[in-house]
Amino acid sequence: MLDDWGLEPLDAAARHDLLEILEERYGRKSTLVTSQLPVDRWHEIIGDPTYADAIMDRLVHNAHRIELTGESLRRARAKSAITS
């Protein structure tokens, strides 16, 4: 599981490591990714276009994608606690 993925750009070592991990898991194990960053910005966070294409190919192929919209549940709960 990659939780809150994409908060910071990847350096060369992180790009390489991520690709290796995804390659090892590809077709054998599930990988869950959560991110507040829209998928169309993931290439810029990955950095290198060749690595970005390879990483995205392994993540997106056979993926089930769920996009949530609306206010953060944490914010909604905080507002509700303040007004209570």
Protein backbone atom coordinates (compact mmCIF):
# COMPACT_ATOMS: atom_id res chain seq x y z
CA MET A 1 0.00 0.00 0.00
CA LEU A 2 1.24 3.44 -0.95
CA ASP A 3 -0.64 5.85 1.31
CA ASP A 4 -0.70 9.61 0.56
CA TRP A 5 1.43 8.95 -2.50
CA GLY A 6 2.82 11.91 -4.40
CA LEU A 7 3.28 14.39 -1.60
CA GLU A 8 6.87 14.99 -2.75
CA PRO A 9 8.62 14.50 -6.09
CA LEU A 10 10.62 11.28 -6.46
CA ASP A 11 14.38 11.37 -6.78
CA ALA A 12 16.26 8.96 -9.07
CA ALA A 13 16.69 6.28 -6.38
CA ALA A 14 13.02 6.43 -5.33
CA ARG A 15 11.88 6.18 -8.98
CA HIS A 16 14.06 3.15 -9.53
CA ASP A 17 12.95 1.48 -6.29
CA LEU A 18 9.27 2.09 -6.99
CA LEU A 19 9.56 0.61 -10.47
CA GLU A 20 11.37 -2.46 -9.09
CA ILE A 21 8.69 -2.99 -6.41
CA LEU A 22 5.85 -2.62 -8.89
CA GLU A 23 7.58 -4.89 -11.40
CA GLU A 24 7.98 -7.59 -8.74
CA ARG A 25 4.30 -7.33 -7.75
CA TYR A 26 2.89 -6.94 -11.28
CA GLY A 27 0.44 -9.72 -12.08
CA ARG A 28 1.08 -11.46 -8.75
CA LYS A 29 -0.05 -9.18 -5.93
CA SER A 30 -2.35 -6.24 -5.43
CA THR A 31 -1.07 -2.73 -4.85
CA LEU A 32 -3.28 -0.09 -3.27
CA VAL A 33 -2.44 3.57 -3.86
CA THR A 34 -4.08 6.51 -2.11
CA SER A 35 -3.27 10.04 -3.14
CA GLN A 36 -4.69 13.53 -2.94
CA LEU A 37 -2.83 14.33 -6.15
CA PRO A 38 -4.83 13.86 -9.35
CA VAL A 39 -3.55 11.00 -11.52
CA ASP A 40 -2.88 13.39 -14.40
CA ARG A 41 -0.14 15.01 -12.27
CA TRP A 42 1.61 11.76 -11.30
CA HIS A 43 4.02 11.98 -14.26
CA GLU A 44 5.43 15.26 -12.97
CA ILE A 45 5.89 13.83 -9.45
CA ILE A 46 7.66 10.76 -10.80
CA GLY A 47 9.91 13.07 -12.77
CA ASP A 48 11.57 11.07 -15.52
CA PRO A 49 9.19 10.45 -18.46
CA THR A 50 10.52 6.95 -19.20
CA TYR A 51 10.19 5.84 -15.58
CA ALA A 52 6.81 7.59 -15.31
CA ASP A 53 5.45 5.66 -18.30
CA ALA A 54 6.74 2.34 -16.95
CA ILE A 55 5.43 2.96 -13.42
CA MET A 56 2.04 4.18 -14.61
CA ASP A 57 1.71 1.24 -16.99
CA ARG A 58 2.16 -1.21 -14.12
CA LEU A 59 -0.20 0.70 -11.83
CA VAL A 60 -2.98 1.38 -14.32
CA HIS A 61 -3.14 -1.90 -16.24
CA ASN A 62 -5.94 -4.02 -14.73
CA ALA A 63 -6.56 -1.34 -12.09
CA HIS A 64 -9.80 -0.52 -10.32
CA ARG A 65 -9.82 3.22 -9.90
CA ILE A 66 -12.05 5.01 -7.40
CA GLU A 67 -12.07 8.80 -7.41
CA LEU A 68 -13.64 10.49 -4.43
CA THR A 69 -15.02 14.00 -4.54
CA GLY A 70 -16.25 16.39 -1.93
CA GLU A 71 -14.90 17.72 1.29
CA SER A 72 -12.40 15.82 3.39
CA LEU A 73 -14.07 13.67 6.05
CA ARG A 74 -11.58 15.02 8.59
CA ARG A 75 -12.63 18.60 7.81
CA ALA A 76 -16.32 17.74 7.98
CA ARG A 77 -15.84 16.06 11.36
CA ALA A 78 -13.81 19.00 12.68
CA LYS A 79 -16.54 21.45 11.64
CA SER A 80 -19.18 19.29 13.24
CA ALA A 81 -17.19 19.08 16.49
CA ILE A 82 -16.83 22.88 16.60
CA THR A 83 -20.56 23.48 16.10
CA SER A 84 -21.61 20.84 18.61
